Amino acid sequence: MAPKTQLALEMELPPTTDQPNVFPLSWHAGTAKMEEIWSASQREVWDPAQLSWDTFDPESYTWEEREAIAYWWTLLSVFDASAPPVFAEAFVKTYEVHEEDAVRRCFFSVTRDEQNHEQMCGMAITKMLGWPDPLTYEPKTDLGMRAQRNVKWLYFNGGRYWDGFKQAVPKYSLAVLFSSFLMGEIAAATIFHQMAEGAREPVFEEAFTHIGRDEGRHMAICMAIMERDYPHLDVTDRELITKQIRAGYLFLSAVLFEPPEAFWDLPSDFIEVQRSCEAVARDAGFHIPEFNEKKENWRQAILNLKAVLDKYDIPFPAIPELEISGQEVNDIDLEDIIPVF
C-alpha cells in the first residue's frame, strides 16, 4: 500500500475545505435578537424531574381517567418524541452552513427544550399507566383498549415522515425549514398556555407553563431568521414554502386540532375514540380545549403566520377546513412534509 501523500510537505497552506462542512471555526455575530433569545433560554432552563411530582397522586383517578389522560400525553409525544432528533438535524445543519454563532446556540437550546418536552410526556404517561410504554401497556378499561389502538395508528403515521425529513434537511435552506418549524410553534404557544390556566394538578400547570414559554421562544427564533432571510428568497423557495404551510396544517392538526381523514391513515372511529378520551380527561380536571376552541386557536395561528408571509409576497395556501382562502395545494403526501412540533 502506497504511503499517503503528506500535503503539508508540498504546500505552504492547506487546500480549501469542501463545503458544507460541520466545522465552522468561526463565531460571527449578526442578528442581535438571537443573542436576546439565547440569554432567555439560559435563564428559563427547567428540569421535568424537579417539578412538584410530590403533589401528584395518580391513584386518585379511576383507571379510565388515567388512561384517558395518558392518551393525551401520548398523542403529544407522537410529535414531541420526534422533536429532539428533528431539531438535532437542524442544529447540525446550522454548523454545516456556518450560521451565525448565536443561531447555532439558539438551535442547541431548541433541541434541549424539546428533550425536556419529551421527558415530560414520558414521565406523565409512566406515572399515569404505571408502565413506561403506551404501545405495550395492557389496558385496564374498554376505553383504554380503544385509545391504545388509536395510539398505534398515530405512531405508524408519525413515523412515516422521518425518512422524508432526513432527505429534506440537506436539500432545503434554513429559510424554507423555518417556515415549517414556525407552523407548530405559533399554535403550540397558545394551547399550552390555555392548558396551564385550566390545569388542576400543580405539576401539570408547571409543565405547561414551561412548555408554552419554550414554544414562544422557539417562535421568536423562527421569526428572527425569517425577517433576516425572507426578503432575499428566490421564486422556487416561495413556491415550496406555500406547499409546506399546507402540509404543516395537515400534519400538525393531529395534535392541535383533529387529524384530517384524507391525509392521515386512521381507523374510521379514530376521532370518536379521541373525543371520548378528551371528555373523560376534562371531567377528571385535565383541561383540554374543546373542539371549537381548538379550531379557533388553529385558525388564529394560521392567520398570524399568513400576516408574516404576506409581508414577503409568499402565496398562502387555502385552508378550507378553517375557512381561510388562498392558493389551492392538493398534491400533499406524508413523504413530502418537513414540519415539526
C-alpha atoms as a PDB file:
ATOM      1  CA  MET A   1       0.000   0.000   0.000  1.00  0.00           C
ATOM      2  CA  ALA A   2       1.462   3.302  -1.114  1.00  0.00           C
ATOM      3  CA  PRO A   3       2.051   5.839   1.662  1.00  0.00           C
ATOM      4  CA  LYS A   4      -0.489   8.635   1.871  1.00  0.00           C
ATOM      5  CA  THR A   5       0.745  11.925   0.442  1.00  0.00           C
ATOM      6  CA  GLN A   6       1.560  14.471   3.135  1.00  0.00           C
ATOM      7  CA  LEU A   7       0.251  17.701   1.691  1.00  0.00           C
ATOM      8  CA  ALA A   8       1.946  19.741   4.405  1.00  0.00           C
ATOM      9  CA  LEU A   9       5.333  18.752   2.920  1.00  0.00           C
ATOM     10  CA  GLU A  10       4.343  20.028  -0.514  1.00  0.00           C
ATOM     11  CA  MET A  11       2.182  23.100   0.169  1.00  0.00           C
ATOM     12  CA  GLU A  12       2.604  26.299   2.148  1.00  0.00           C
ATOM     13  CA  LEU A  13      -1.113  26.342   3.063  1.00  0.00           C
ATOM     14  CA  PRO A  14      -3.667  23.508   3.050  1.00  0.00           C
ATOM     15  CA  PRO A  15      -6.322  23.087   0.342  1.00  0.00           C
ATOM     16  CA  THR A  16      -9.697  24.763   0.822  1.00  0.00           C
ATOM     17  CA  THR A  17     -12.080  22.546   2.802  1.00  0.00           C
ATOM     18  CA  ASP A  18     -15.088  21.372   0.815  1.00  0.00           C
ATOM     19  CA  GLN A  19     -18.409  22.757   1.968  1.00  0.00           C
ATOM     20  CA  PRO A  20     -20.839  22.185   3.552  1.00  0.00           C
ATOM     21  CA  ASN A  21     -18.642  21.177   6.445  1.00  0.00           C
ATOM     22  CA  VAL A  22     -19.704  20.800  10.057  1.00  0.00           C
ATOM     23  CA  PHE A  23     -16.603  22.571  11.385  1.00  0.00           C
ATOM     24  CA  PRO A  24     -17.116  26.367  11.180  1.00  0.00           C
ATOM     25  CA  LEU A  25     -14.215  27.546  13.376  1.00  0.00           C
ATOM     26  CA  SER A  26     -15.877  30.959  13.436  1.00  0.00           C
ATOM     27  CA  TRP A  27     -18.130  32.853  15.811  1.00  0.00           C
ATOM     28  CA  HIS A  28     -19.646  35.605  13.695  1.00  0.00           C
ATOM     29  CA  ALA A  29     -22.358  37.802  15.165  1.00  0.00           C
ATOM     30  CA  GLY A  30     -25.115  39.393  13.150  1.00  0.00           C
ATOM     31  CA  THR A  31     -28.655  39.026  14.447  1.00  0.00           C
ATOM     32  CA  ALA A  32     -28.889  40.786  17.810  1.00  0.00           C
ATOM     33  CA  LYS A  33     -32.315  39.287  18.514  1.00  0.00           C
ATOM     34  CA  MET A  34     -30.720  35.824  18.594  1.00  0.00           C
ATOM     35  CA  GLU A  35     -28.450  36.840  21.476  1.00  0.00           C
ATOM     36  CA  GLU A  36     -31.502  38.015  23.433  1.00  0.00           C
ATOM     37  CA  ILE A  37     -33.302  34.717  22.792  1.00  0.00           C
ATOM     38  CA  TRP A  38     -30.247  32.688  23.786  1.00  0.00           C
ATOM     39  CA  SER A  39     -29.959  34.629  27.053  1.00  0.00           C
ATOM     40  CA  ALA A  40     -33.638  33.984  27.766  1.00  0.00           C
ATOM     41  CA  SER A  41     -33.182  30.278  27.098  1.00  0.00           C
ATOM     42  CA  GLN A  42     -30.372  30.164  29.655  1.00  0.00           C
ATOM     43  CA  ARG A  43     -32.488  31.891  32.291  1.00  0.00           C
ATOM     44  CA  GLU A  44     -35.529  29.703  31.627  1.00  0.00           C
ATOM     45  CA  VAL A  45     -33.932  26.244  31.685  1.00  0.00           C
ATOM     46  CA  TRP A  46     -36.069  23.755  33.617  1.00  0.00           C
ATOM     47  CA  ASP A  47     -35.964  20.108  34.588  1.00  0.00           C
ATOM     48  CA  PRO A  48     -39.137  17.962  34.373  1.00  0.00           C
ATOM     49  CA  ALA A  49     -37.885  15.806  37.232  1.00  0.00           C
ATOM     50  CA  GLN A  50     -37.799  18.847  39.553  1.00  0.00           C
ATOM     51  CA  LEU A  51     -41.481  19.733  39.161  1.00  0.00           C
ATOM     52  CA  SER A  52     -43.874  19.191  42.064  1.00  0.00           C
ATOM     53  CA  TRP A  53     -44.433  15.491  41.483  1.00  0.00           C
ATOM     54  CA  ASP A  54     -44.799  15.012  45.241  1.00  0.00           C
ATOM     55  CA  THR A  55     -48.251  16.642  44.973  1.00  0.00           C
ATOM     56  CA  PHE A  56     -49.376  14.235  42.255  1.00  0.00           C
ATOM     57  CA  ASP A  57     -51.247  11.017  43.099  1.00  0.00           C
ATOM     58  CA  PRO A  58     -52.286   9.004  40.030  1.00  0.00           C
ATOM     59  CA  GLU A  59     -54.274   6.651  42.261  1.00  0.00           C
ATOM     60  CA  SER A  60     -56.728   9.491  42.943  1.00  0.00           C
ATOM     61  CA  TYR A  61     -58.016   8.902  39.411  1.00  0.00           C
ATOM     62  CA  THR A  62     -60.027   5.964  38.078  1.00  0.00           C
ATOM     63  CA  TRP A  63     -58.303   3.714  35.547  1.00  0.00           C
ATOM     64  CA  GLU A  64     -60.458   5.135  32.762  1.00  0.00           C
ATOM     65  CA  GLU A  65     -59.380   8.657  33.738  1.00  0.00           C
ATOM     66  CA  ARG A  66     -55.747   7.602  33.955  1.00  0.00           C
ATOM     67  CA  GLU A  67     -55.868   6.005  30.518  1.00  0.00           C
ATOM     68  CA  ALA A  68     -57.687   8.990  29.007  1.00  0.00           C
ATOM     69  CA  ILE A  69     -55.154  11.492  30.367  1.00  0.00           C
ATOM     70  CA  ALA A  70     -52.259   9.245  29.355  1.00  0.00           C
ATOM     71  CA  TYR A  71     -53.781   9.098  25.870  1.00  0.00           C
ATOM     72  CA  TRP A  72     -53.496  12.890  25.528  1.00  0.00           C
ATOM     73  CA  TRP A  73     -49.869  12.845  26.673  1.00  0.00           C
ATOM     74  CA  THR A  74     -49.182  10.024  24.200  1.00  0.00           C
ATOM     75  CA  LEU A  75     -50.802  11.994  21.392  1.00  0.00           C
ATOM     76  CA  LEU A  76     -48.460  14.872  22.251  1.00  0.00           C
ATOM     77  CA  SER A  77     -45.475  12.543  22.472  1.00  0.00           C
ATOM     78  CA  VAL A  78     -46.026  11.302  18.913  1.00  0.00           C
ATOM     79  CA  PHE A  79     -44.837  14.792  17.979  1.00  0.00           C
ATOM     80  CA  ASP A  80     -42.607  15.703  20.927  1.00  0.00           C
ATOM     81  CA  ALA A  81     -40.704  12.420  20.961  1.00  0.00           C
ATOM     82  CA  SER A  82     -39.706  13.062  17.345  1.00  0.00           C
ATOM     83  CA  ALA A  83     -38.757  16.679  18.027  1.00  0.00           C
ATOM     84  CA  PRO A  84     -35.294  16.143  19.640  1.00  0.00           C
ATOM     85  CA  PRO A  85     -33.831  14.269  16.628  1.00  0.00           C
ATOM     86  CA  VAL A  86     -35.617  16.560  14.184  1.00  0.00           C
ATOM     87  CA  PHE A  87     -34.171  19.698  15.744  1.00  0.00           C
ATOM     88  CA  ALA A  88     -30.828  17.959  16.240  1.00  0.00           C
ATOM     89  CA  GLU A  89     -30.693  17.501  12.453  1.00  0.00           C
ATOM     90  CA  ALA A  90     -31.458  21.201  12.008  1.00  0.00           C
ATOM     91  CA  PHE A  91     -28.866  22.066  14.673  1.00  0.00           C
ATOM     92  CA  VAL A  92     -26.214  20.132  12.729  1.00  0.00           C
ATOM     93  CA  LYS A  93     -27.256  21.984   9.576  1.00  0.00           C
ATOM     94  CA  THR A  94     -26.582  25.342  11.260  1.00  0.00           C
ATOM     95  CA  TYR A  95     -22.989  24.163  11.693  1.00  0.00           C
ATOM     96  CA  GLU A  96     -22.696  22.790   8.157  1.00  0.00           C
ATOM     97  CA  VAL A  97     -23.782  26.090   6.631  1.00  0.00           C
ATOM     98  CA  HIS A  98     -21.633  28.051   9.131  1.00  0.00           C
ATOM     99  CA  GLU A  99     -24.539  30.014  10.552  1.00  0.00           C
ATOM    100  CA  GLU A 100     -24.004  32.863  12.997  1.00  0.00           C
ATOM    101  CA  ASP A 101     -22.774  31.760  16.400  1.00  0.00           C
ATOM    102  CA  ALA A 102     -25.979  32.859  18.161  1.00  0.00           C
ATOM    103  CA  VAL A 103     -28.132  30.999  15.638  1.00  0.00           C
ATOM    104  CA  ARG A 104     -26.235  27.794  16.355  1.00  0.00           C
ATOM    105  CA  ARG A 105     -26.640  28.307  20.094  1.00  0.00           C
ATOM    106  CA  CYS A 106     -30.359  29.025  19.725  1.00  0.00           C
ATOM    107  CA  PHE A 107     -30.873  25.778  17.841  1.00  0.00           C
ATOM    108  CA  PHE A 108     -28.999  23.956  20.554  1.00  0.00           C
ATOM    109  CA  SER A 109     -31.457  25.464  23.043  1.00  0.00           C
ATOM    110  CA  VAL A 110     -34.431  24.259  20.980  1.00  0.00           C
ATOM    111  CA  THR A 111     -33.034  20.723  20.885  1.00  0.00           C
ATOM    112  CA  ARG A 112     -32.540  20.839  24.662  1.00  0.00           C
ATOM    113  CA  ASP A 113     -36.063  22.200  25.219  1.00  0.00           C
ATOM    114  CA  GLU A 114     -37.641  19.509  23.066  1.00  0.00           C
ATOM    115  CA  GLN A 115     -35.781  16.857  25.021  1.00  0.00           C
ATOM    116  CA  ASN A 116     -37.438  18.276  28.159  1.00  0.00           C
ATOM    117  CA  HIS A 117     -40.845  18.134  26.488  1.00  0.00           C
ATOM    118  CA  GLU A 118     -40.272  14.505  25.515  1.00  0.00           C
ATOM    119  CA  GLN A 119     -39.223  13.642  29.065  1.00  0.00           C
ATOM    120  CA  MET A 120     -42.313  15.351  30.472  1.00  0.00           C
ATOM    121  CA  CYS A 121     -44.535  13.258  28.208  1.00  0.00           C
ATOM    122  CA  GLY A 122     -42.744  10.095  29.284  1.00  0.00           C
ATOM    123  CA  MET A 123     -42.970  10.884  32.989  1.00  0.00           C
ATOM    124  CA  ALA A 124     -46.684  11.740  32.826  1.00  0.00           C
ATOM    125  CA  ILE A 125     -47.503   8.587  30.839  1.00  0.00           C
ATOM    126  CA  THR A 126     -45.407   6.338  33.075  1.00  0.00           C
ATOM    127  CA  LYS A 127     -46.953   7.684  36.271  1.00  0.00           C
ATOM    128  CA  MET A 128     -50.494   7.503  34.915  1.00  0.00           C
ATOM    129  CA  LEU A 129     -50.228   3.997  33.482  1.00  0.00           C
ATOM    130  CA  GLY A 130     -47.635   2.525  35.825  1.00  0.00           C
ATOM    131  CA  TRP A 131     -45.852   1.454  32.641  1.00  0.00           C
ATOM    132  CA  PRO A 132     -43.242   3.283  30.505  1.00  0.00           C
ATOM    133  CA  ASP A 133     -44.512   2.335  27.038  1.00  0.00           C
ATOM    134  CA  PRO A 134     -48.084   3.041  25.848  1.00  0.00           C
ATOM    135  CA  LEU A 135     -47.644   0.704  22.863  1.00  0.00           C
ATOM    136  CA  THR A 136     -47.050  -2.382  25.043  1.00  0.00           C
ATOM    137  CA  TYR A 137     -49.165  -1.331  28.047  1.00  0.00           C
ATOM    138  CA  GLU A 138     -52.061  -3.690  28.908  1.00  0.00           C
ATOM    139  CA  PRO A 139     -55.216  -1.516  29.072  1.00  0.00           C
ATOM    140  CA  LYS A 140     -57.496  -1.832  32.102  1.00  0.00           C
ATOM    141  CA  THR A 141     -60.707  -0.489  30.512  1.00  0.00           C
ATOM    142  CA  ASP A 142     -62.583  -0.670  27.239  1.00  0.00           C
ATOM    143  CA  LEU A 143     -61.777   2.994  26.547  1.00  0.00           C
ATOM    144  CA  GLY A 144     -58.117   2.256  27.261  1.00  0.00           C
ATOM    145  CA  MET A 145     -58.122  -0.567  24.682  1.00  0.00           C
ATOM    146  CA  ARG A 146     -59.664   1.674  22.041  1.00  0.00           C
ATOM    147  CA  ALA A 147     -57.280   4.515  22.938  1.00  0.00           C
ATOM    148  CA  GLN A 148     -54.276   2.203  22.542  1.00  0.00           C
ATOM    149  CA  ARG A 149     -55.478   1.270  19.048  1.00  0.00           C
ATOM    150  CA  ASN A 150     -55.547   4.983  18.249  1.00  0.00           C
ATOM    151  CA  VAL A 151     -52.022   5.342  19.636  1.00  0.00           C
ATOM    152  CA  LYS A 152     -50.665   2.549  17.447  1.00  0.00           C
ATOM    153  CA  TRP A 153     -52.122   4.176  14.338  1.00  0.00           C
ATOM    154  CA  LEU A 154     -50.760   7.585  15.358  1.00  0.00           C
ATOM    155  CA  TYR A 155     -47.315   6.082  15.851  1.00  0.00           C
ATOM    156  CA  PHE A 156     -47.478   4.419  12.432  1.00  0.00           C
ATOM    157  CA  ASN A 157     -48.418   7.681  10.727  1.00  0.00           C
ATOM    158  CA  GLY A 158     -45.922   9.830  12.621  1.00  0.00           C
ATOM    159  CA  GLY A 159     -43.025   7.526  11.840  1.00  0.00           C
ATOM    160  CA  ARG A 160     -43.661   7.617   8.098  1.00  0.00           C
ATOM    161  CA  TYR A 161     -42.288  11.100   7.553  1.00  0.00           C
ATOM    162  CA  TRP A 162     -38.882  10.692   9.238  1.00  0.00           C
ATOM    163  CA  ASP A 163     -37.056   9.477   6.133  1.00  0.00           C
ATOM    164  CA  GLY A 164     -38.532  12.329   4.123  1.00  0.00           C
ATOM    165  CA  PHE A 165     -37.410  14.818   6.736  1.00  0.00           C
ATOM    166  CA  LYS A 166     -33.836  13.486   6.703  1.00  0.00           C
ATOM    167  CA  GLN A 167     -33.776  13.867   2.932  1.00  0.00           C
ATOM    168  CA  ALA A 168     -35.216  17.385   3.100  1.00  0.00           C
ATOM    169  CA  VAL A 169     -32.760  18.893   5.579  1.00  0.00           C
ATOM    170  CA  PRO A 170     -29.710  18.747   3.259  1.00  0.00           C
ATOM    171  CA  LYS A 171     -31.766  19.933   0.255  1.00  0.00           C
ATOM    172  CA  TYR A 172     -33.506  22.980   1.653  1.00  0.00           C
ATOM    173  CA  SER A 173     -32.261  26.245   3.055  1.00  0.00           C
ATOM    174  CA  LEU A 174     -32.871  27.155   6.677  1.00  0.00           C
ATOM    175  CA  ALA A 175     -35.305  29.802   5.432  1.00  0.00           C
ATOM    176  CA  VAL A 176     -37.543  27.089   3.980  1.00  0.00           C
ATOM    177  CA  LEU A 177     -37.184  24.843   7.005  1.00  0.00           C
ATOM    178  CA  PHE A 178     -38.112  27.702   9.340  1.00  0.00           C
ATOM    179  CA  SER A 179     -41.465  28.156   7.622  1.00  0.00           C
ATOM    180  CA  SER A 180     -42.310  24.603   8.637  1.00  0.00           C
ATOM    181  CA  PHE A 181     -40.958  24.952  12.161  1.00  0.00           C
ATOM    182  CA  LEU A 182     -42.998  28.118  12.705  1.00  0.00           C
ATOM    183  CA  MET A 183     -46.273  26.324  11.943  1.00  0.00           C
ATOM    184  CA  GLY A 184     -46.261  24.367  15.175  1.00  0.00           C
ATOM    185  CA  GLU A 185     -44.654  26.968  17.389  1.00  0.00           C
ATOM    186  CA  ILE A 186     -47.319  29.634  16.842  1.00  0.00           C
ATOM    187  CA  ALA A 187     -50.222  27.385  17.779  1.00  0.00           C
ATOM    188  CA  ALA A 188     -48.369  25.436  20.477  1.00  0.00           C
ATOM    189  CA  ALA A 189     -47.552  28.543  22.493  1.00  0.00           C
ATOM    190  CA  THR A 190     -51.292  29.302  22.688  1.00  0.00           C
ATOM    191  CA  ILE A 191     -52.610  25.845  23.517  1.00  0.00           C
ATOM    192  CA  PHE A 192     -50.080  25.182  26.282  1.00  0.00           C
ATOM    193  CA  HIS A 193     -50.825  28.474  27.989  1.00  0.00           C
ATOM    194  CA  GLN A 194     -54.527  27.573  27.925  1.00  0.00           C
ATOM    195  CA  MET A 195     -53.824  24.147  29.392  1.00  0.00           C
ATOM    196  CA  ALA A 196     -51.695  25.687  32.130  1.00  0.00           C
ATOM    197  CA  GLU A 197     -54.512  28.062  33.085  1.00  0.00           C
ATOM    198  CA  GLY A 198     -57.029  25.228  33.239  1.00  0.00           C
ATOM    199  CA  ALA A 199     -54.850  22.595  34.929  1.00  0.00           C
ATOM    200  CA  ARG A 200     -55.990  21.183  38.266  1.00  0.00           C
ATOM    201  CA  GLU A 201     -52.739  19.405  39.085  1.00  0.00           C
ATOM    202  CA  PRO A 202     -49.860  21.739  40.096  1.00  0.00           C
ATOM    203  CA  VAL A 203     -47.314  19.555  38.288  1.00  0.00           C
ATOM    204  CA  PHE A 204     -49.218  19.854  35.008  1.00  0.00           C
ATOM    205  CA  GLU A 205     -49.707  23.601  35.449  1.00  0.00           C
ATOM    206  CA  GLU A 206     -45.956  23.996  35.957  1.00  0.00           C
ATOM    207  CA  ALA A 207     -45.129  21.804  32.972  1.00  0.00           C
ATOM    208  CA  PHE A 208     -47.494  23.552  30.578  1.00  0.00           C
ATOM    209  CA  THR A 209     -46.257  26.959  31.717  1.00  0.00           C
ATOM    210  CA  HIS A 210     -42.666  25.958  30.962  1.00  0.00           C
ATOM    211  CA  ILE A 211     -43.540  24.286  27.653  1.00  0.00           C
ATOM    212  CA  GLY A 212     -45.631  27.248  26.492  1.00  0.00           C
ATOM    213  CA  ARG A 213     -42.781  29.632  27.293  1.00  0.00           C
ATOM    214  CA  ASP A 214     -40.343  27.402  25.406  1.00  0.00           C
ATOM    215  CA  GLU A 215     -42.590  27.319  22.337  1.00  0.00           C
ATOM    216  CA  GLY A 216     -42.937  31.098  22.384  1.00  0.00           C
ATOM    217  CA  ARG A 217     -39.147  31.404  22.415  1.00  0.00           C
ATOM    218  CA  HIS A 218     -38.852  28.941  19.523  1.00  0.00           C
ATOM    219  CA  MET A 219     -41.341  31.038  17.586  1.00  0.00           C
ATOM    220  CA  ALA A 220     -39.176  34.107  18.179  1.00  0.00           C
ATOM    221  CA  ILE A 221     -36.139  32.257  16.753  1.00  0.00           C
ATOM    222  CA  CYS A 222     -38.033  31.404  13.585  1.00  0.00           C
ATOM    223  CA  MET A 223     -39.360  34.939  13.238  1.00  0.00           C
ATOM    224  CA  ALA A 224     -35.892  36.467  13.604  1.00  0.00           C
ATOM    225  CA  ILE A 225     -34.441  34.236  10.888  1.00  0.00           C
ATOM    226  CA  MET A 226     -37.402  34.820   8.599  1.00  0.00           C
ATOM    227  CA  GLU A 227     -37.036  38.580   8.951  1.00  0.00           C
ATOM    228  CA  ARG A 228     -33.367  38.204   8.080  1.00  0.00           C
ATOM    229  CA  ASP A 229     -33.707  35.804   5.133  1.00  0.00           C
ATOM    230  CA  TYR A 230     -37.157  36.143   3.584  1.00  0.00           C
ATOM    231  CA  PRO A 231     -36.540  39.422   1.752  1.00  0.00           C
ATOM    232  CA  HIS A 232     -33.985  37.519  -0.362  1.00  0.00           C
ATOM    233  CA  LEU A 233     -35.958  34.348  -1.187  1.00  0.00           C
ATOM    234  CA  ASP A 234     -35.999  33.143  -4.775  1.00  0.00           C
ATOM    235  CA  VAL A 235     -39.206  32.115  -6.561  1.00  0.00           C
ATOM    236  CA  THR A 236     -38.630  28.379  -6.133  1.00  0.00           C
ATOM    237  CA  ASP A 237     -38.346  28.741  -2.366  1.00  0.00           C
ATOM    238  CA  ARG A 238     -41.538  30.800  -2.224  1.00  0.00           C
ATOM    239  CA  GLU A 239     -43.488  28.052  -4.022  1.00  0.00           C
ATOM    240  CA  LEU A 240     -42.061  25.407  -1.716  1.00  0.00           C
ATOM    241  CA  ILE A 241     -42.990  27.393   1.397  1.00  0.00           C
ATOM    242  CA  THR A 242     -46.601  27.643   0.176  1.00  0.00           C
ATOM    243  CA  LYS A 243     -46.735  23.865  -0.136  1.00  0.00           C
ATOM    244  CA  GLN A 244     -45.074  23.344   3.240  1.00  0.00           C
ATOM    245  CA  ILE A 245     -47.618  25.531   5.020  1.00  0.00           C
ATOM    246  CA  ARG A 246     -50.452  23.379   3.690  1.00  0.00           C
ATOM    247  CA  ALA A 247     -48.550  20.210   4.621  1.00  0.00           C
ATOM    248  CA  GLY A 248     -47.861  21.617   8.067  1.00  0.00           C
ATOM    249  CA  TYR A 249     -51.540  22.260   8.663  1.00  0.00           C
ATOM    250  CA  LEU A 250     -52.456  18.700   7.663  1.00  0.00           C
ATOM    251  CA  PHE A 251     -49.714  17.116   9.761  1.00  0.00           C
ATOM    252  CA  LEU A 252     -49.942  19.197  12.924  1.00  0.00           C
ATOM    253  CA  SER A 253     -53.738  19.192  13.041  1.00  0.00           C
ATOM    254  CA  ALA A 254     -53.493  15.724  14.584  1.00  0.00           C
ATOM    255  CA  VAL A 255     -52.329  17.281  17.859  1.00  0.00           C
ATOM    256  CA  LEU A 256     -53.521  20.885  17.568  1.00  0.00           C
ATOM    257  CA  PHE A 257     -56.989  20.185  16.153  1.00  0.00           C
ATOM    258  CA  GLU A 258     -58.127  16.839  14.703  1.00  0.00           C
ATOM    259  CA  PRO A 259     -56.321  14.760  12.042  1.00  0.00           C
ATOM    260  CA  PRO A 260     -57.732  15.262   8.524  1.00  0.00           C
ATOM    261  CA  GLU A 261     -59.009  11.843   7.464  1.00  0.00           C
ATOM    262  CA  ALA A 262     -57.916  12.211   3.840  1.00  0.00           C
ATOM    263  CA  PHE A 263     -54.289  12.783   4.872  1.00  0.00           C
ATOM    264  CA  TRP A 264     -53.812  10.584   7.943  1.00  0.00           C
ATOM    265  CA  ASP A 265     -54.271   6.828   7.564  1.00  0.00           C
ATOM    266  CA  LEU A 266     -56.579   6.166  10.526  1.00  0.00           C
ATOM    267  CA  PRO A 267     -59.488   3.883  11.505  1.00  0.00           C
ATOM    268  CA  SER A 268     -62.997   5.194  10.890  1.00  0.00           C
ATOM    269  CA  ASP A 269     -63.717   5.514  14.627  1.00  0.00           C
ATOM    270  CA  PHE A 270     -60.438   7.284  15.470  1.00  0.00           C
ATOM    271  CA  ILE A 271     -61.884  10.745  16.100  1.00  0.00           C
ATOM    272  CA  GLU A 272     -64.837   9.314  18.047  1.00  0.00           C
ATOM    273  CA  VAL A 273     -62.422   7.488  20.379  1.00  0.00           C
ATOM    274  CA  GLN A 274     -60.225  10.578  20.772  1.00  0.00           C
ATOM    275  CA  ARG A 275     -63.201  12.762  21.652  1.00  0.00           C
ATOM    276  CA  SER A 276     -64.304  10.175  24.234  1.00  0.00           C
ATOM    277  CA  CYS A 277     -60.848  10.252  25.825  1.00  0.00           C
ATOM    278  CA  GLU A 278     -60.856  14.046  25.886  1.00  0.00           C
ATOM    279  CA  ALA A 279     -64.286  14.153  27.529  1.00  0.00           C
ATOM    280  CA  VAL A 280     -63.193  11.760  30.289  1.00  0.00           C
ATOM    281  CA  ALA A 281     -59.952  13.699  30.827  1.00  0.00           C
ATOM    282  CA  ARG A 282     -61.828  17.019  31.076  1.00  0.00           C
ATOM    283  CA  ASP A 283     -64.285  15.591  33.587  1.00  0.00           C
ATOM    284  CA  ALA A 284     -61.286  14.445  35.647  1.00  0.00           C
ATOM    285  CA  GLY A 285     -59.942  18.023  35.770  1.00  0.00           C
ATOM    286  CA  PHE A 286     -57.355  17.723  32.984  1.00  0.00           C
ATOM    287  CA  HIS A 287     -58.061  20.741  30.804  1.00  0.00           C
ATOM    288  CA  ILE A 288     -58.118  20.122  27.045  1.00  0.00           C
ATOM    289  CA  PRO A 289     -59.591  22.844  24.826  1.00  0.00           C
ATOM    290  CA  GLU A 290     -62.971  21.959  23.321  1.00  0.00           C
ATOM    291  CA  PHE A 291     -63.374  21.407  19.561  1.00  0.00           C
ATOM    292  CA  ASN A 292     -64.401  24.978  18.718  1.00  0.00           C
ATOM    293  CA  GLU A 293     -61.675  26.431  20.934  1.00  0.00           C
ATOM    294  CA  LYS A 294     -59.028  24.268  19.241  1.00  0.00           C
ATOM    295  CA  LYS A 295     -60.355  25.253  15.833  1.00  0.00           C
ATOM    296  CA  GLU A 296     -60.204  28.962  16.692  1.00  0.00           C
ATOM    297  CA  ASN A 297     -56.694  28.585  18.149  1.00  0.00           C
ATOM    298  CA  TRP A 298     -55.509  26.950  14.940  1.00  0.00           C
ATOM    299  CA  ARG A 299     -57.284  29.492  12.758  1.00  0.00           C
ATOM    300  CA  GLN A 300     -55.699  32.434  14.595  1.00  0.00           C
ATOM    301  CA  ALA A 301     -52.273  30.798  14.448  1.00  0.00           C
ATOM    302  CA  ILE A 302     -52.610  30.274  10.699  1.00  0.00           C
ATOM    303  CA  LEU A 303     -53.784  33.858  10.167  1.00  0.00           C
ATOM    304  CA  ASN A 304     -50.832  35.140  12.217  1.00  0.00           C
ATOM    305  CA  LEU A 305     -48.493  33.140  10.001  1.00  0.00           C
ATOM    306  CA  LYS A 306     -50.274  34.441   6.899  1.00  0.00           C
ATOM    307  CA  ALA A 307     -49.674  38.007   8.071  1.00  0.00           C
ATOM    308  CA  VAL A 308     -45.936  37.242   8.271  1.00  0.00           C
ATOM    309  CA  LEU A 309     -45.731  35.631   4.835  1.00  0.00           C
ATOM    310  CA  ASP A 310     -47.846  38.333   3.193  1.00  0.00           C
ATOM    311  CA  LYS A 311     -45.108  40.840   4.014  1.00  0.00           C
ATOM    312  CA  TYR A 312     -42.770  38.869   1.759  1.00  0.00           C
ATOM    313  CA  ASP A 313     -45.244  38.222  -1.093  1.00  0.00           C
ATOM    314  CA  ILE A 314     -45.297  34.485  -0.427  1.00  0.00           C
ATOM    315  CA  PRO A 315     -48.578  32.968  -1.697  1.00  0.00           C
ATOM    316  CA  PHE A 316     -50.569  31.498   1.162  1.00  0.00           C
ATOM    317  CA  PRO A 317     -52.295  28.143   0.703  1.00  0.00           C
ATOM    318  CA  ALA A 318     -56.024  27.730   1.072  1.00  0.00           C
ATOM    319  CA  ILE A 319     -57.010  26.113   4.377  1.00  0.00           C
ATOM    320  CA  PRO A 320     -60.695  25.369   3.686  1.00  0.00           C
ATOM    321  CA  GLU A 321     -61.062  23.469   6.984  1.00  0.00           C
ATOM    322  CA  LEU A 322     -60.566  26.815   8.762  1.00  0.00           C
ATOM    323  CA  GLU A 323     -62.373  28.971   6.185  1.00  0.00           C
ATOM    324  CA  ILE A 324     -59.086  30.524   5.026  1.00  0.00           C
ATOM    325  CA  SER A 325     -58.853  31.253   1.313  1.00  0.00           C
ATOM    326  CA  GLY A 326     -55.671  31.169  -0.737  1.00  0.00           C
ATOM    327  CA  GLN A 327     -53.768  29.190  -3.333  1.00  0.00           C
ATOM    328  CA  GLU A 328     -55.038  25.641  -3.836  1.00  0.00           C
ATOM    329  CA  VAL A 329     -52.485  22.961  -2.883  1.00  0.00           C
ATOM    330  CA  ASN A 330     -53.722  19.418  -3.423  1.00  0.00           C
ATOM    331  CA  ASP A 331     -50.664  17.219  -4.077  1.00  0.00           C
ATOM    332  CA  ILE A 332     -49.505  16.681  -0.487  1.00  0.00           C
ATOM    333  CA  ASP A 333     -48.107  13.363   0.697  1.00  0.00           C
ATOM    334  CA  LEU A 334     -46.607  12.486   4.078  1.00  0.00           C
ATOM    335  CA  GLU A 335     -43.263  11.849   2.414  1.00  0.00           C
ATOM    336  CA  ASP A 336     -43.215  15.477   1.208  1.00  0.00           C
ATOM    337  CA  ILE A 337     -43.502  17.241   4.539  1.00  0.00           C
ATOM    338  CA  ILE A 338     -40.836  18.748   6.744  1.00  0.00           C
ATOM    339  CA  PRO A 339     -42.793  20.330   9.620  1.00  0.00           C
ATOM    340  CA  VAL A 340     -42.113  19.591  13.263  1.00  0.00           C
ATOM    341  CA  PHE A 341     -43.747  20.470  16.569  1.00  0.00           C
END
